[in-house]
Protein backbone atom coordinates (compact mmCIF):
# COMPACT_ATOMS: atom_id res chain seq x y z
CA GLN A 1 79.86 279.96 91.69
CA VAL A 2 78.09 277.15 89.88
CA GLN A 3 76.10 278.11 86.81
CA LEU A 4 73.67 275.94 84.89
CA GLU A 5 72.28 276.45 81.41
CA GLU A 6 69.54 274.27 79.94
CA SER A 7 68.77 273.81 76.27
CA GLY A 8 66.82 271.50 73.99
CA GLY A 9 63.25 272.52 74.70
CA GLY A 10 60.71 272.96 71.95
CA LEU A 11 57.25 272.30 70.57
CA VAL A 12 56.53 268.68 69.67
CA GLN A 13 53.58 266.36 69.20
CA THR A 14 52.44 263.48 71.34
CA GLY A 15 54.72 260.50 70.83
CA ASP A 16 57.73 262.58 69.79
CA SER A 17 61.10 262.72 71.53
CA LEU A 18 63.22 265.54 72.90
CA ARG A 19 66.65 265.63 74.46
CA LEU A 20 67.39 268.27 77.05
CA SER A 21 70.91 269.30 77.97
CA CYS A 22 72.24 271.18 80.96
CA VAL A 23 75.77 272.49 80.80
CA THR A 24 77.28 273.14 84.19
CA SER A 25 80.20 275.28 85.19
CA GLY A 26 82.02 274.49 88.35
CA ARG A 27 82.57 271.22 90.05
CA ARG A 28 80.66 268.01 89.58
CA THR A 29 78.24 267.59 92.44
CA PHE A 30 77.03 264.41 94.02
CA THR A 31 73.49 264.57 92.69
CA MET A 32 72.03 266.16 89.57
CA GLY A 33 68.37 266.25 88.71
CA TRP A 34 65.61 267.46 86.45
CA PHE A 35 62.40 269.08 87.60
CA ARG A 36 59.34 270.18 85.66
CA GLN A 37 56.87 272.96 86.30
CA ALA A 38 53.63 272.74 84.37
CA PRO A 39 51.45 275.82 83.88
CA GLY A 40 49.68 276.67 87.12
CA LYS A 41 51.35 273.86 89.05
CA GLU A 42 54.21 273.49 91.47
CA ARG A 43 57.62 272.31 90.44
CA GLU A 44 57.81 268.51 90.48
CA PHE A 45 60.57 265.96 90.43
CA VAL A 46 61.29 264.21 87.13
CA ALA A 47 64.60 262.36 87.46
CA ALA A 48 67.91 262.38 89.30
CA ILE A 49 71.33 260.80 88.94
CA GLY A 50 74.01 260.54 91.55
CA GLY A 51 76.20 258.46 93.78
CA SER A 52 79.46 256.73 93.04
CA PHE A 53 77.85 254.38 90.55
CA GLY A 54 75.52 256.80 88.78
CA ASP A 55 72.36 255.62 90.48
CA THR A 56 69.18 256.94 88.89
CA ASP A 57 65.71 257.70 90.13
CA TYR A 58 62.61 258.54 88.10
CA ALA A 59 59.16 259.82 88.85
CA ASP A 60 56.56 257.12 88.18
CA ALA A 61 54.98 259.21 85.43
CA VAL A 62 58.15 259.14 83.31
CA LYS A 63 59.69 255.79 84.23
CA GLY A 64 60.43 253.77 81.12
CA ARG A 65 60.14 256.80 78.82
CA PHE A 66 62.75 259.23 80.11
CA THR A 67 66.46 258.60 80.60
CA ILE A 68 68.80 260.76 82.64
CA SER A 69 72.53 260.67 81.98
CA THR A 70 75.69 262.69 82.42
CA ASP A 71 78.85 263.49 80.54
CA ASP A 72 81.39 263.98 83.27
CA ALA A 73 83.97 265.45 80.95
CA ARG A 74 82.15 268.80 80.86
CA PRO A 75 80.12 268.03 83.00
CA THR A 76 76.75 268.02 81.26
CA LEU A 77 73.43 266.59 82.35
CA TYR A 78 70.98 265.16 79.82
CA LEU A 79 67.36 264.11 79.82
CA GLN A 80 66.22 261.97 76.91
CA MET A 81 62.44 262.14 76.73
CA ASP A 82 60.69 259.57 74.55
CA ARG A 83 56.99 258.97 73.88
CA LEU A 84 56.10 262.39 75.17
CA ASN A 85 52.51 263.14 76.13
CA VAL A 86 50.72 266.37 76.91
CA GLU A 87 51.60 266.00 80.60
CA GLY A 88 55.18 266.59 79.51
CA THR A 89 54.43 270.24 78.82
CA GLY A 90 56.18 272.67 81.13
CA ILE A 91 59.42 274.36 82.01
CA TYR A 92 62.23 271.92 82.71
CA PHE A 93 64.89 272.89 85.23
CA CYS A 94 68.16 271.18 85.92
CA ALA A 95 69.49 271.31 89.45
CA LEU A 96 72.57 270.31 91.39
CA ASP A 97 72.67 269.00 94.92
CA THR A 98 75.79 268.61 97.05
CA GLY A 99 74.08 265.98 99.19
CA ALA A 100 72.54 262.57 98.72
CA MET A 101 70.12 261.86 95.90
CA THR A 102 66.69 263.24 96.65
CA ARG A 103 63.39 264.11 95.02
CA VAL A 104 62.91 267.19 97.20
CA ALA A 105 63.45 270.40 95.27
CA GLU A 106 64.34 272.37 98.40
CA ASN A 107 67.40 270.16 98.90
CA TYR A 108 68.98 271.20 95.62
CA ASP A 109 71.54 273.97 95.87
CA TYR A 110 71.86 275.29 92.34
CA TRP A 111 69.27 275.79 89.60
CA GLY A 112 69.20 276.70 85.94
CA GLN A 113 66.76 279.16 84.39
CA GLY A 114 64.74 276.45 82.69
CA THR A 115 63.86 275.44 79.16
CA GLN A 116 60.29 275.33 77.85
CA ASP A 117 58.72 272.22 76.36
CA ALA A 118 55.26 272.06 74.85
CA VAL A 119 53.63 268.82 73.75
CA SER A 120 50.53 269.05 71.60
CA SER A 121 48.01 266.26 71.23
């Protein structure tokens, strides 16, 4: 049974940074990703990392501001979020996928409970 636990959320102002962490138990999977659910909206893809060489993929809205990375020793998934804006508000979920890297939430097999971020203007 794979378990995920996110941390690092909080209340910040526009332009600030946050670093999210997701500690996983169980085996390292091929793809790991972050999703965000804003109030009243559907869950959306933020970033993913996977493949033999640690390929990364980012949603256009966060490209150049967010960085996804892993620490395989634990393993732990991170999301460094810089120059946050109000659109960054929401619950952030980490997810693991045993298949190829994808932006489709339904393809991910395991999910954490989420960590709340709020960005004020």
